[in-house]
Amino acid sequence: MQTPQLWLIKFAPFRTAWEEIVARGNFTLRGVRNLEARKNLNDMRLGDHVLFYRSQKDQAVVGILEVSQEAYPDPTSAADIWLTCDFKPIRTLSRPVTLTTLRQDPRLEDIPLLRQPRLAVMPLSQIAFALILEKSHEPS
């Protein structure tokens, strides 16, 4: 069996808020139109864990999702090349981990969120994933 991969996805809260995802019990990432992000969506497997990053306003990692449906054509696109995945929420972080907090840790300087800020779907190493989760437990 393959080791689950770890990811981070970005989504604007005015489109779908984390609280809505938790209440509904599922989330479909729609509207991603970037080739690298499409490849990353295609590489996601059932059970992979995904950090949910609230973009644009109050930029922060706020929760953990799990891939519940592997890649399929995004129904918001007329072109079959664009993909989406479905996710289920696992838990809300104890406290959000802000973009400022992430930037202040030199151990995270190479994560795609900081190197490629426009990328919506990105892989994370086990170390980066764990460091971000640790930060959700640190006092403000």
Protein backbone atom coordinates (compact mmCIF):
# COMPACT_ATOMS: atom_id res chain seq x y z
CA MET A 1 0.00 0.00 0.00
CA GLN A 2 1.25 3.47 -0.90
CA THR A 3 2.02 5.93 1.90
CA PRO A 4 -0.62 8.68 1.93
CA GLN A 5 0.55 11.94 0.45
CA LEU A 6 0.11 15.31 2.12
CA TRP A 7 -1.23 18.43 0.46
CA LEU A 8 -2.37 21.99 0.94
CA ILE A 9 -5.23 23.59 -0.96
CA LYS A 10 -6.16 27.27 -1.04
CA PHE A 11 -9.71 28.51 -1.29
CA ALA A 12 -11.36 31.90 -0.86
CA PRO A 13 -13.71 32.06 2.13
CA PHE A 14 -16.23 34.19 0.24
CA ARG A 15 -16.72 31.23 -2.14
CA THR A 16 -16.93 28.52 0.54
CA ALA A 17 -16.06 29.10 4.19
CA TRP A 18 -14.39 26.42 6.31
CA GLU A 19 -17.39 26.50 8.66
CA GLU A 20 -19.68 25.65 5.72
CA ILE A 21 -17.48 22.71 4.77
CA VAL A 22 -17.58 21.35 8.32
CA ALA A 23 -21.37 21.80 8.56
CA ARG A 24 -21.96 20.16 5.16
CA GLY A 25 -19.41 17.36 5.73
CA ASN A 26 -17.87 17.60 2.27
CA PHE A 27 -16.12 19.94 -0.12
CA THR A 28 -15.48 19.93 -3.86
CA LEU A 29 -12.63 22.10 -5.10
CA ARG A 30 -13.91 23.72 -8.28
CA GLY A 31 -12.56 26.25 -10.69
CA VAL A 32 -8.86 25.37 -10.57
CA ARG A 33 -7.34 26.38 -13.92
CA ASN A 34 -3.61 25.85 -13.57
CA LEU A 35 -1.65 22.99 -15.13
CA GLU A 36 0.51 22.30 -12.09
CA ALA A 37 -2.51 22.35 -9.78
CA ARG A 38 -4.33 20.00 -12.19
CA LYS A 39 -1.40 17.57 -12.02
CA ASN A 40 -1.48 17.75 -8.21
CA LEU A 41 -5.24 17.07 -8.15
CA ASN A 42 -4.65 14.09 -10.45
CA ASP A 43 -2.00 12.76 -8.05
CA MET A 44 -4.28 12.86 -4.99
CA ARG A 45 -5.44 9.49 -3.65
CA LEU A 46 -8.23 8.40 -1.34
CA GLY A 47 -7.22 8.99 2.27
CA ASP A 48 -4.54 11.61 1.54
CA HIS A 49 -4.62 14.42 4.09
CA VAL A 50 -4.96 18.01 2.98
CA LEU A 51 -4.49 21.27 4.86
CA PHE A 52 -7.17 23.82 4.03
CA TYR A 53 -5.77 27.33 3.59
CA ARG A 54 -8.21 30.23 3.69
CA SER A 55 -6.92 32.62 1.01
CA GLN A 56 -7.40 36.31 0.34
CA LYS A 57 -8.98 37.43 3.65
CA ASP A 58 -7.48 36.33 7.00
CA GLN A 59 -4.96 34.14 5.19
CA ALA A 60 -4.39 31.05 7.33
CA VAL A 61 -4.43 27.27 7.47
CA VAL A 62 -7.65 26.50 9.36
CA GLY A 63 -8.37 22.78 9.01
CA ILE A 64 -7.58 19.32 7.74
CA LEU A 65 -9.46 17.50 4.99
CA GLU A 66 -9.19 13.98 3.62
CA VAL A 67 -9.52 13.07 -0.07
CA SER A 68 -12.86 11.26 -0.40
CA GLN A 69 -13.09 11.13 -4.21
CA GLU A 70 -10.11 11.03 -6.54
CA ALA A 71 -9.80 13.33 -9.55
CA TYR A 72 -12.61 13.65 -12.04
CA PRO A 73 -13.56 16.33 -14.63
CA ASP A 74 -14.51 19.65 -13.03
CA PRO A 75 -18.21 20.20 -13.81
CA THR A 76 -17.67 23.99 -13.84
CA SER A 77 -15.58 23.69 -17.01
CA ALA A 78 -16.64 22.89 -20.57
CA ALA A 79 -13.11 21.51 -21.14
CA ASP A 80 -12.59 17.99 -19.78
CA ILE A 81 -8.92 18.69 -19.05
CA TRP A 82 -9.71 20.51 -15.77
CA LEU A 83 -10.07 18.32 -12.72
CA THR A 84 -11.48 18.41 -9.24
CA CYS A 85 -11.50 16.15 -6.17
CA ASP A 86 -13.90 15.76 -3.27
CA PHE A 87 -12.86 16.07 0.35
CA LYS A 88 -14.33 15.49 3.77
CA PRO A 89 -13.37 17.60 6.76
CA ILE A 90 -11.35 15.82 9.44
CA ARG A 91 -10.92 18.59 12.00
CA THR A 92 -10.61 22.28 12.61
CA LEU A 93 -7.19 23.37 13.87
CA SER A 94 -6.94 24.54 17.49
CA ARG A 95 -6.01 27.93 16.14
CA PRO A 96 -5.44 29.17 12.58
CA VAL A 97 -1.85 29.22 11.34
CA THR A 98 -1.45 32.54 9.57
CA LEU A 99 0.60 33.28 6.50
CA THR A 100 2.74 35.60 8.67
CA THR A 101 3.45 32.73 11.08
CA LEU A 102 4.44 30.45 8.20
CA ARG A 103 6.77 33.07 6.73
CA GLN A 104 8.52 33.55 10.08
CA ASP A 105 9.71 29.93 10.24
CA PRO A 106 12.84 29.39 8.12
CA ARG A 107 12.13 25.63 8.08
CA LEU A 108 9.07 26.37 5.93
CA GLU A 109 10.70 28.79 3.48
CA ASP A 110 10.64 26.26 0.64
CA ILE A 111 6.99 25.21 0.83
CA PRO A 112 5.06 25.96 -2.36
CA LEU A 113 2.64 28.28 -0.54
CA LEU A 114 5.53 30.69 0.03
CA ARG A 115 7.40 30.06 -3.24
CA GLN A 116 4.39 29.87 -5.59
CA PRO A 117 1.67 31.92 -3.89
CA ARG A 118 -0.76 31.69 -6.83
CA LEU A 119 -0.77 27.87 -6.88
CA ALA A 120 -4.06 26.53 -5.44
CA VAL A 121 -3.13 22.85 -4.96
CA MET A 122 0.30 21.86 -3.71
CA PRO A 123 2.14 18.92 -2.14
CA LEU A 124 3.69 19.19 1.31
CA SER A 125 6.44 17.11 2.85
CA GLN A 126 5.70 15.20 6.06
CA ILE A 127 8.00 17.59 7.92
CA ALA A 128 6.26 20.73 6.61
CA PHE A 129 2.82 19.26 7.32
CA ALA A 130 3.84 18.39 10.89
CA LEU A 131 5.43 21.82 11.49
CA ILE A 132 2.27 23.59 10.37
CA LEU A 133 0.14 21.41 12.65
CA GLU A 134 2.52 22.12 15.58
CA LYS A 135 2.02 25.83 15.03
CA SER A 136 -1.72 25.40 15.48
CA HIS A 137 -1.03 24.38 19.09
CA GLU A 138 1.45 27.14 19.94
CA PRO A 139 0.22 30.02 22.09
CA SER A 140 -0.54 33.21 20.19
